[in-house]
C-alpha atoms as a PDB file:
ATOM      1  CA  MET A   1      56.623  67.420 -24.293  1.00  0.00           C
ATOM      2  CA  THR A   2      56.646  63.623 -24.068  1.00  0.00           C
ATOM      3  CA  SER A   3      53.646  61.637 -22.885  1.00  0.00           C
ATOM      4  CA  TYR A   4      53.844  59.692 -19.636  1.00  0.00           C
ATOM      5  CA  ALA A   5      53.783  55.900 -19.919  1.00  0.00           C
ATOM      6  CA  ALA A   6      52.870  53.863 -16.854  1.00  0.00           C
ATOM      7  CA  PRO A   7      55.169  50.954 -15.956  1.00  0.00           C
ATOM      8  CA  SER A   8      54.120  47.600 -17.375  1.00  0.00           C
ATOM      9  CA  ARG A   9      52.010  45.368 -15.115  1.00  0.00           C
ATOM     10  CA  THR A  10      51.029  41.712 -15.359  1.00  0.00           C
ATOM     11  CA  VAL A  11      49.052  39.419 -13.084  1.00  0.00           C
ATOM     12  CA  GLY A  12      49.700  35.713 -12.593  1.00  0.00           C
ATOM     13  CA  ARG A  13      48.802  32.655 -10.562  1.00  0.00           C
ATOM     14  CA  LEU A  14      51.442  30.047  -9.790  1.00  0.00           C
ATOM     15  CA  LYS A  15      50.249  26.509  -9.161  1.00  0.00           C
ATOM     16  CA  ARG A  16      51.488  25.207  -5.795  1.00  0.00           C
ATOM     17  CA  PRO A  17      50.578  22.107  -3.757  1.00  0.00           C
ATOM     18  CA  PHE A  18      48.024  24.104  -1.722  1.00  0.00           C
ATOM     19  CA  GLY A  19      46.471  25.764  -4.787  1.00  0.00           C
ATOM     20  CA  ASN A  20      47.262  28.989  -6.658  1.00  0.00           C
ATOM     21  CA  LEU A  21      49.672  31.664  -5.438  1.00  0.00           C
ATOM     22  CA  TYR A  22      48.606  35.087  -6.709  1.00  0.00           C
ATOM     23  CA  TYR A  23      51.279  37.557  -7.827  1.00  0.00           C
ATOM     24  CA  GLU A  24      51.750  40.789  -9.775  1.00  0.00           C
ATOM     25  CA  VAL A  25      54.793  42.036 -11.701  1.00  0.00           C
ATOM     26  CA  SER A  26      55.250  45.751 -12.382  1.00  0.00           C
ATOM     27  CA  GLY A  27      58.014  47.753 -14.029  1.00  0.00           C
ATOM     28  CA  SER A  28      61.406  46.740 -15.364  1.00  0.00           C
ATOM     29  CA  GLY A  29      64.955  46.418 -14.126  1.00  0.00           C
ATOM     30  CA  PRO A  30      66.540  44.365 -11.308  1.00  0.00           C
ATOM     31  CA  ALA A  31      64.109  42.118  -9.424  1.00  0.00           C
ATOM     32  CA  LEU A  32      62.662  43.594  -6.234  1.00  0.00           C
ATOM     33  CA  ILE A  33      60.212  41.359  -4.339  1.00  0.00           C
ATOM     34  CA  PHE A  34      57.909  42.377  -1.490  1.00  0.00           C
ATOM     35  CA  ALA A  35      56.410  40.088   1.191  1.00  0.00           C
ATOM     36  CA  HIS A  36      53.475  41.441   3.207  1.00  0.00           C
ATOM     37  CA  GLY A  37      52.559  41.067   6.860  1.00  0.00           C
ATOM     38  CA  LEU A  38      49.720  39.340   8.689  1.00  0.00           C
ATOM     39  CA  GLY A  39      47.374  42.270   8.102  1.00  0.00           C
ATOM     40  CA  GLY A  40      48.118  42.639   4.407  1.00  0.00           C
ATOM     41  CA  ASN A  41      48.326  41.123   0.958  1.00  0.00           C
ATOM     42  CA  HIS A  42      49.891  42.164  -2.348  1.00  0.00           C
ATOM     43  CA  LEU A  43      47.999  45.481  -2.226  1.00  0.00           C
ATOM     44  CA  SER A  44      49.850  46.557   0.909  1.00  0.00           C
ATOM     45  CA  TRP A  45      52.802  47.651  -1.227  1.00  0.00           C
ATOM     46  CA  TRP A  46      50.926  50.099  -3.474  1.00  0.00           C
ATOM     47  CA  GLN A  47      53.115  53.017  -2.417  1.00  0.00           C
ATOM     48  CA  GLN A  48      56.333  51.043  -2.944  1.00  0.00           C
ATOM     49  CA  VAL A  49      55.417  49.617  -6.353  1.00  0.00           C
ATOM     50  CA  ALA A  50      54.486  53.066  -7.663  1.00  0.00           C
ATOM     51  CA  HIS A  51      57.837  54.412  -6.451  1.00  0.00           C
ATOM     52  CA  PHE A  52      60.181  51.593  -7.466  1.00  0.00           C
ATOM     53  CA  ALA A  53      58.602  50.221 -10.682  1.00  0.00           C
ATOM     54  CA  PRO A  54      60.279  52.808 -12.954  1.00  0.00           C
ATOM     55  CA  HIS A  55      63.662  51.343 -11.999  1.00  0.00           C
ATOM     56  CA  TYR A  56      63.002  47.803 -10.733  1.00  0.00           C
ATOM     57  CA  THR A  57      60.913  44.806 -11.683  1.00  0.00           C
ATOM     58  CA  CYS A  58      58.597  44.873  -8.657  1.00  0.00           C
ATOM     59  CA  VAL A  59      56.922  41.635  -7.603  1.00  0.00           C
ATOM     60  CA  THR A  60      54.158  41.514  -5.021  1.00  0.00           C
ATOM     61  CA  PHE A  61      52.238  38.418  -4.015  1.00  0.00           C
ATOM     62  CA  ALA A  62      49.647  37.235  -1.531  1.00  0.00           C
ATOM     63  CA  HIS A  63      50.951  34.593   0.846  1.00  0.00           C
ATOM     64  CA  ARG A  64      49.157  31.255   0.739  1.00  0.00           C
ATOM     65  CA  GLY A  65      45.800  31.525   2.492  1.00  0.00           C
ATOM     66  CA  PHE A  66      45.573  35.277   1.848  1.00  0.00           C
ATOM     67  CA  ALA A  67      43.189  36.323  -0.928  1.00  0.00           C
ATOM     68  CA  PRO A  68      43.475  36.443  -3.884  1.00  0.00           C
ATOM     69  CA  SER A  69      45.778  33.426  -3.366  1.00  0.00           C
ATOM     70  CA  ASP A  70      43.806  30.275  -2.643  1.00  0.00           C
ATOM     71  CA  PRO A  71      42.783  29.384   0.915  1.00  0.00           C
ATOM     72  CA  VAL A  72      44.417  26.483   2.740  1.00  0.00           C
ATOM     73  CA  ALA A  73      41.886  24.026   4.119  1.00  0.00           C
ATOM     74  CA  ASP A  74      43.816  23.011   7.236  1.00  0.00           C
ATOM     75  CA  GLY A  75      45.239  26.448   7.972  1.00  0.00           C
ATOM     76  CA  VAL A  76      48.537  28.048   7.062  1.00  0.00           C
ATOM     77  CA  ASP A  77      51.969  26.903   8.245  1.00  0.00           C
ATOM     78  CA  PRO A  78      54.539  29.715   7.862  1.00  0.00           C
ATOM     79  CA  ALA A  79      57.241  27.079   7.363  1.00  0.00           C
ATOM     80  CA  ASP A  80      55.798  26.698   3.842  1.00  0.00           C
ATOM     81  CA  TYR A  81      56.336  30.364   2.938  1.00  0.00           C
ATOM     82  CA  PRO A  82      59.994  30.193   1.802  1.00  0.00           C
ATOM     83  CA  GLY A  83      59.204  27.331  -0.567  1.00  0.00           C
ATOM     84  CA  ASP A  84      56.442  29.378  -2.183  1.00  0.00           C
ATOM     85  CA  LEU A  85      58.851  32.276  -2.649  1.00  0.00           C
ATOM     86  CA  ALA A  86      61.532  30.014  -4.111  1.00  0.00           C
ATOM     87  CA  ALA A  87      59.028  28.564  -6.576  1.00  0.00           C
ATOM     88  CA  LEU A  88      57.882  32.053  -7.576  1.00  0.00           C
ATOM     89  CA  ILE A  89      61.432  33.295  -8.133  1.00  0.00           C
ATOM     90  CA  ASP A  90      62.239  30.251 -10.267  1.00  0.00           C
ATOM     91  CA  HIS A  91      58.969  30.625 -12.167  1.00  0.00           C
ATOM     92  CA  LEU A  92      59.804  34.240 -13.025  1.00  0.00           C
ATOM     93  CA  GLY A  93      63.344  33.296 -14.013  1.00  0.00           C
ATOM     94  CA  PHE A  94      65.257  35.725 -11.803  1.00  0.00           C
ATOM     95  CA  ALA A  95      68.975  35.019 -11.421  1.00  0.00           C
ATOM     96  CA  ASP A  96      69.186  37.324  -8.411  1.00  0.00           C
ATOM     97  CA  VAL A  97      66.729  39.263  -6.265  1.00  0.00           C
ATOM     98  CA  ARG A  98      66.342  42.035  -3.720  1.00  0.00           C
ATOM     99  CA  LEU A  99      63.882  41.260  -0.939  1.00  0.00           C
ATOM    100  CA  VAL A 100      61.710  43.555   1.176  1.00  0.00           C
ATOM    101  CA  ALA A 101      59.704  42.070   4.031  1.00  0.00           C
ATOM    102  CA  GLN A 102      57.151  43.539   6.414  1.00  0.00           C
ATOM    103  CA  SER A 103      56.425  41.827   9.754  1.00  0.00           C
ATOM    104  CA  MET A 104      55.194  38.272   8.928  1.00  0.00           C
ATOM    105  CA  GLY A 105      56.910  38.556   5.553  1.00  0.00           C
ATOM    106  CA  GLY A 106      60.202  38.384   7.425  1.00  0.00           C
ATOM    107  CA  TRP A 107      59.640  34.670   7.981  1.00  0.00           C
ATOM    108  CA  THR A 108      59.443  34.239   4.202  1.00  0.00           C
ATOM    109  CA  MET A 109      62.318  36.460   3.192  1.00  0.00           C
ATOM    110  CA  LEU A 110      64.878  35.675   5.890  1.00  0.00           C
ATOM    111  CA  GLU A 111      64.523  31.928   5.462  1.00  0.00           C
ATOM    112  CA  TYR A 112      64.806  32.230   1.676  1.00  0.00           C
ATOM    113  CA  ALA A 113      67.922  34.385   2.027  1.00  0.00           C
ATOM    114  CA  LEU A 114      69.505  31.923   4.448  1.00  0.00           C
ATOM    115  CA  ALA A 115      68.841  29.054   2.043  1.00  0.00           C
ATOM    116  CA  HIS A 116      69.915  30.946  -1.103  1.00  0.00           C
ATOM    117  CA  PRO A 117      72.357  33.693  -0.062  1.00  0.00           C
ATOM    118  CA  GLU A 118      74.084  33.625  -3.432  1.00  0.00           C
ATOM    119  CA  ARG A 119      70.885  34.822  -5.134  1.00  0.00           C
ATOM    120  CA  VAL A 120      69.975  37.619  -2.708  1.00  0.00           C
ATOM    121  CA  LYS A 121      71.637  40.971  -3.394  1.00  0.00           C
ATOM    122  CA  ALA A 122      69.907  42.801  -0.528  1.00  0.00           C
ATOM    123  CA  LEU A 123      67.414  42.098   2.251  1.00  0.00           C
ATOM    124  CA  VAL A 124      65.174  44.648   3.985  1.00  0.00           C
ATOM    125  CA  LEU A 125      63.401  43.590   7.179  1.00  0.00           C
ATOM    126  CA  SER A 126      60.728  46.138   8.120  1.00  0.00           C
ATOM    127  CA  SER A 127      59.303  45.821  11.636  1.00  0.00           C
ATOM    128  CA  THR A 128      60.438  42.227  11.832  1.00  0.00           C
ATOM    129  CA  SER A 129      63.200  39.891  12.881  1.00  0.00           C
ATOM    130  CA  GLY A 130      61.653  37.020  10.930  1.00  0.00           C
ATOM    131  CA  THR A 131      62.530  33.625  12.344  1.00  0.00           C
ATOM    132  CA  LEU A 132      64.927  35.066  14.928  1.00  0.00           C
ATOM    133  CA  ASP A 133      63.734  34.673  18.503  1.00  0.00           C
ATOM    134  CA  ARG A 134      62.823  38.170  19.662  1.00  0.00           C
ATOM    135  CA  ARG A 135      63.377  37.821  23.381  1.00  0.00           C
ATOM    136  CA  GLY A 136      66.584  35.893  22.766  1.00  0.00           C
ATOM    137  CA  SER A 137      67.839  38.734  20.570  1.00  0.00           C
ATOM    138  CA  ASP A 138      67.529  41.260  23.410  1.00  0.00           C
ATOM    139  CA  PRO A 139      71.042  42.257  24.573  1.00  0.00           C
ATOM    140  CA  SER A 140      69.715  42.775  28.107  1.00  0.00           C
ATOM    141  CA  GLY A 141      68.879  39.095  28.396  1.00  0.00           C
ATOM    142  CA  GLY A 142      65.161  39.694  28.028  1.00  0.00           C
ATOM    143  CA  ALA A 143      64.549  42.382  30.660  1.00  0.00           C
ATOM    144  CA  THR A 144      64.094  45.204  28.154  1.00  0.00           C
ATOM    145  CA  TYR A 145      61.926  43.015  25.961  1.00  0.00           C
ATOM    146  CA  ASP A 146      59.674  41.986  28.856  1.00  0.00           C
ATOM    147  CA  ALA A 147      59.102  45.600  29.911  1.00  0.00           C
ATOM    148  CA  TRP A 148      58.410  46.650  26.326  1.00  0.00           C
ATOM    149  CA  PHE A 149      56.035  43.720  25.785  1.00  0.00           C
ATOM    150  CA  ALA A 150      53.935  44.501  28.864  1.00  0.00           C
ATOM    151  CA  ALA A 151      53.549  48.149  27.876  1.00  0.00           C
ATOM    152  CA  ALA A 152      52.852  47.260  24.240  1.00  0.00           C
ATOM    153  CA  GLU A 153      50.113  44.771  25.126  1.00  0.00           C
ATOM    154  CA  ALA A 154      48.361  47.407  27.241  1.00  0.00           C
ATOM    155  CA  THR A 155      48.583  49.950  24.426  1.00  0.00           C
ATOM    156  CA  ILE A 156      47.232  47.479  21.864  1.00  0.00           C
ATOM    157  CA  ALA A 157      44.288  46.530  24.109  1.00  0.00           C
ATOM    158  CA  ALA A 158      43.382  50.167  24.709  1.00  0.00           C
ATOM    159  CA  GLY A 159      43.598  50.892  20.990  1.00  0.00           C
ATOM    160  CA  LEU A 160      41.488  47.922  19.951  1.00  0.00           C
ATOM    161  CA  ALA A 161      38.740  49.119  22.298  1.00  0.00           C
ATOM    162  CA  ARG A 162      38.643  52.324  20.214  1.00  0.00           C
ATOM    163  CA  GLY A 163      38.835  50.617  16.820  1.00  0.00           C
ATOM    164  CA  ILE A 164      42.536  51.259  16.218  1.00  0.00           C
ATOM    165  CA  HIS A 165      44.407  48.603  14.260  1.00  0.00           C
ATOM    166  CA  PRO A 166      47.603  47.556  16.103  1.00  0.00           C
ATOM    167  CA  ALA A 167      49.609  47.502  12.886  1.00  0.00           C
ATOM    168  CA  MET A 168      48.958  51.217  12.408  1.00  0.00           C
ATOM    169  CA  GLY A 169      48.639  52.562  15.941  1.00  0.00           C
ATOM    170  CA  GLU A 170      46.968  55.611  17.444  1.00  0.00           C
ATOM    171  CA  ARG A 171      49.227  58.286  15.944  1.00  0.00           C
ATOM    172  CA  ALA A 172      48.803  56.987  12.392  1.00  0.00           C
ATOM    173  CA  ALA A 173      45.056  56.443  12.837  1.00  0.00           C
ATOM    174  CA  GLU A 174      44.671  60.048  13.964  1.00  0.00           C
ATOM    175  CA  ARG A 175      47.032  61.641  11.428  1.00  0.00           C
ATOM    176  CA  PHE A 176      46.128  59.461   8.434  1.00  0.00           C
ATOM    177  CA  PRO A 177      42.544  58.227   8.868  1.00  0.00           C
ATOM    178  CA  ALA A 178      42.268  57.336   5.169  1.00  0.00           C
ATOM    179  CA  LEU A 179      45.355  55.122   5.357  1.00  0.00           C
ATOM    180  CA  HIS A 180      44.036  53.528   8.546  1.00  0.00           C
ATOM    181  CA  LEU A 181      40.749  52.738   6.810  1.00  0.00           C
ATOM    182  CA  LEU A 182      42.565  51.314   3.791  1.00  0.00           C
ATOM    183  CA  TYR A 183      44.795  49.160   6.003  1.00  0.00           C
ATOM    184  CA  ARG A 184      41.795  47.703   7.816  1.00  0.00           C
ATOM    185  CA  SER A 185      40.039  47.046   4.504  1.00  0.00           C
ATOM    186  CA  ILE A 186      43.039  45.166   3.104  1.00  0.00           C
ATOM    187  CA  ASP A 187      43.311  43.189   6.349  1.00  0.00           C
ATOM    188  CA  GLU A 188      39.668  42.102   6.085  1.00  0.00           C
ATOM    189  CA  MET A 189      40.269  40.676   2.608  1.00  0.00           C
ATOM    190  CA  ALA A 190      41.807  37.610   4.289  1.00  0.00           C
ATOM    191  CA  GLY A 191      38.264  36.536   5.128  1.00  0.00           C
ATOM    192  CA  ALA A 192      38.024  33.321   7.118  1.00  0.00           C
ATOM    193  CA  LEU A 193      41.782  32.789   7.484  1.00  0.00           C
ATOM    194  CA  ASP A 194      42.543  31.735  11.076  1.00  0.00           C
ATOM    195  CA  LYS A 195      45.084  34.397  11.953  1.00  0.00           C
ATOM    196  CA  GLU A 196      45.368  33.335  15.585  1.00  0.00           C
ATOM    197  CA  LYS A 197      46.495  29.878  14.478  1.00  0.00           C
ATOM    198  CA  LEU A 198      48.920  31.523  12.056  1.00  0.00           C
ATOM    199  CA  ARG A 199      50.293  33.753  14.837  1.00  0.00           C
ATOM    200  CA  ALA A 200      50.936  30.637  16.890  1.00  0.00           C
ATOM    201  CA  GLY A 201      52.821  29.155  13.952  1.00  0.00           C
ATOM    202  CA  LEU A 202      54.923  32.286  13.636  1.00  0.00           C
ATOM    203  CA  ARG A 203      55.860  32.131  17.319  1.00  0.00           C
ATOM    204  CA  ARG A 204      56.625  28.422  17.037  1.00  0.00           C
ATOM    205  CA  THR A 205      59.025  28.910  14.137  1.00  0.00           C
ATOM    206  CA  ALA A 206      60.873  31.980  15.488  1.00  0.00           C
ATOM    207  CA  THR A 207      63.693  30.073  17.155  1.00  0.00           C
ATOM    208  CA  ARG A 208      66.882  31.199  15.444  1.00  0.00           C
ATOM    209  CA  THR A 209      69.622  33.097  17.260  1.00  0.00           C
ATOM    210  CA  VAL A 210      71.699  35.962  15.935  1.00  0.00           C
ATOM    211  CA  ALA A 211      74.774  33.804  16.507  1.00  0.00           C
ATOM    212  CA  GLU A 212      73.498  31.409  13.835  1.00  0.00           C
ATOM    213  CA  LEU A 213      73.806  34.236  11.311  1.00  0.00           C
ATOM    214  CA  LYS A 214      77.471  35.032  11.979  1.00  0.00           C
ATOM    215  CA  THR A 215      78.391  33.914   8.433  1.00  0.00           C
ATOM    216  CA  PHE A 216      75.301  35.433   6.792  1.00  0.00           C
ATOM    217  CA  ARG A 217      76.807  37.998   4.436  1.00  0.00           C
ATOM    218  CA  VAL A 218      73.690  39.191   2.611  1.00  0.00           C
ATOM    219  CA  PRO A 219      73.496  42.980   3.068  1.00  0.00           C
ATOM    220  CA  THR A 220      70.575  43.435   5.469  1.00  0.00           C
ATOM    221  CA  LEU A 221      68.724  46.593   6.487  1.00  0.00           C
ATOM    222  CA  LEU A 222      66.386  46.485   9.477  1.00  0.00           C
ATOM    223  CA  ILE A 223      63.836  49.313   9.604  1.00  0.00           C
ATOM    224  CA  ALA A 224      61.775  50.004  12.713  1.00  0.00           C
ATOM    225  CA  GLY A 225      59.038  52.443  13.658  1.00  0.00           C
ATOM    226  CA  SER A 226      59.856  54.213  16.912  1.00  0.00           C
ATOM    227  CA  GLU A 227      56.302  53.736  18.249  1.00  0.00           C
ATOM    228  CA  ASP A 228      55.804  50.121  17.175  1.00  0.00           C
ATOM    229  CA  THR A 229      53.765  48.034  19.621  1.00  0.00           C
ATOM    230  CA  VAL A 230      54.018  44.773  17.625  1.00  0.00           C
ATOM    231  CA  PHE A 231      57.766  44.531  16.981  1.00  0.00           C
ATOM    232  CA  PRO A 232      60.261  45.890  19.549  1.00  0.00           C
ATOM    233  CA  PRO A 233      61.955  48.760  17.683  1.00  0.00           C
ATOM    234  CA  PHE A 234      65.128  48.554  19.786  1.00  0.00           C
ATOM    235  CA  LEU A 235      65.798  45.079  18.386  1.00  0.00           C
ATOM    236  CA  ALA A 236      66.499  46.447  14.906  1.00  0.00           C
ATOM    237  CA  SER A 237      69.835  47.977  15.885  1.00  0.00           C
ATOM    238  CA  ALA A 238      70.641  45.132  18.286  1.00  0.00           C
ATOM    239  CA  ILE A 239      70.227  42.513  15.554  1.00  0.00           C
ATOM    240  CA  ALA A 240      71.974  44.601  12.897  1.00  0.00           C
ATOM    241  CA  THR A 241      75.015  44.896  15.163  1.00  0.00           C
ATOM    242  CA  GLY A 242      75.245  41.113  15.302  1.00  0.00           C
ATOM    243  CA  LEU A 243      75.113  40.622  11.527  1.00  0.00           C
ATOM    244  CA  PRO A 244      78.235  40.730   9.326  1.00  0.00           C
ATOM    245  CA  CYS A 245      76.508  43.082   6.870  1.00  0.00           C
ATOM    246  CA  GLY A 246      73.737  44.572   8.979  1.00  0.00           C
ATOM    247  CA  GLU A 247      72.370  48.112   9.123  1.00  0.00           C
ATOM    248  CA  ALA A 248      69.457  49.615  11.042  1.00  0.00           C
ATOM    249  CA  GLU A 249      67.244  52.673  10.664  1.00  0.00           C
ATOM    250  CA  THR A 250      64.460  53.962  12.899  1.00  0.00           C
ATOM    251  CA  ILE A 251      61.603  56.027  11.490  1.00  0.00           C
ATOM    252  CA  GLU A 252      60.368  58.436  14.141  1.00  0.00           C
ATOM    253  CA  GLU A 253      56.663  58.876  14.858  1.00  0.00           C
ATOM    254  CA  ALA A 254      55.859  55.636  13.066  1.00  0.00           C
ATOM    255  CA  GLY A 255      54.186  52.488  14.320  1.00  0.00           C
ATOM    256  CA  HIS A 256      54.339  48.914  13.051  1.00  0.00           C
ATOM    257  CA  SER A 257      53.786  49.855   9.391  1.00  0.00           C
ATOM    258  CA  PRO A 258      56.274  52.584   8.437  1.00  0.00           C
ATOM    259  CA  TYR A 259      56.155  51.458   4.792  1.00  0.00           C
ATOM    260  CA  PHE A 260      52.421  52.234   4.799  1.00  0.00           C
ATOM    261  CA  GLU A 261      52.116  55.306   7.027  1.00  0.00           C
ATOM    262  CA  GLN A 262      55.403  57.039   6.135  1.00  0.00           C
ATOM    263  CA  ALA A 263      56.011  55.674   2.662  1.00  0.00           C
ATOM    264  CA  ALA A 264      58.173  58.544   1.396  1.00  0.00           C
ATOM    265  CA  ARG A 265      60.660  58.172   4.241  1.00  0.00           C
ATOM    266  CA  PHE A 266      60.619  54.380   3.971  1.00  0.00           C
ATOM    267  CA  ASN A 267      61.162  54.438   0.204  1.00  0.00           C
ATOM    268  CA  THR A 268      64.062  56.867   0.540  1.00  0.00           C
ATOM    269  CA  LEU A 269      65.817  54.577   3.024  1.00  0.00           C
ATOM    270  CA  VAL A 270      65.291  51.501   0.853  1.00  0.00           C
ATOM    271  CA  ASP A 271      66.362  53.360  -2.287  1.00  0.00           C
ATOM    272  CA  ALA A 272      69.644  54.411  -0.704  1.00  0.00           C
ATOM    273  CA  PHE A 273      70.275  50.950   0.711  1.00  0.00           C
ATOM    274  CA  LEU A 274      69.689  49.246  -2.645  1.00  0.00           C
ATOM    275  CA  ALA A 275      71.943  51.752  -4.378  1.00  0.00           C
ATOM    276  CA  ARG A 276      74.781  50.820  -2.024  1.00  0.00           C
ATOM    277  CA  GLN A 277      74.510  47.159  -3.081  1.00  0.00           C
ATOM    278  CA  ARG A 278      74.993  47.685  -6.820  1.00  0.00           C
END
C-alpha cells in the first residue's frame, strides 16, 4: 500500500503598482487559474483546488484590495484586474492557461481572454457575464431581465433581513449552514474595502455586447445556478448561443455560488469541459 502525498503548494506575492498581489500555486500539470467574486478571495476555491490539483497546476489569488493582497488607498477599479492577471501569468511563466471565473472574477477573466485569446485554452464563466452588458444580452430586449431583476431584488432584501448572504441564498443557507457561515467569514476578510464603490465600477465597465464577441473563438462554458438572484441564470444559455464556441450548463437548486454550494456537480462539469479542449 502506497502512502498518500498531498499536491505541492507554494505561496507568493507579486509586486504591482498598487502593492502586493497575493497568490497560491497548488499541484502540477496544465495551468488552471481561478478568479473569485466580490464576496470571496483565494480561499473561495478550496473545493476546486483540492479536486483539480492532482491533475492541474491550480492558481488562486486575491484580487487587488482583497486581503491578503494589499489594500488600494483610493478604492479598486475593476479595469485594473486584467492587467494584474496578465502580470501574474507572465510571472509564473505559463505559455497557456485555462481560466475559471466566479461573478466579479468574470471581469478579470473575460477581458484577459479577449486580449490574449491565443494563450487561453478554455474559459469558464460561473454566474457571470463579465464585462458584457446584462440587460443588453437579454434576447427579449430587456423585458425578461427587468422582471427577473425586480423579483431578485425583493428576494435579496428579504434574505438580508434574516441574515442570508445573497451570494448563497436561502436554500443553500438552510441546507448547508456550515458553508453559509464559511462564505460569510471569507467575505468579511475584505475588511474596509468599499464594495459599493467597486459594484459601481463593475456596472460602469459592463458595456460589451455579444456581437462584439462574434470572432471570439476561445472555448467558453457559462455555468448558472437556477435560483441565482445576483446573476440572471437565463442569460447563460442566451450568451453561449451567441458565441462561436459557447456552451451553457444550469445547476438546479443552486444560487449565485454553485462552485461553493454544489462543488461536486460544478467540478464534474468543469472537468468534462476541460477534457474536451485537450
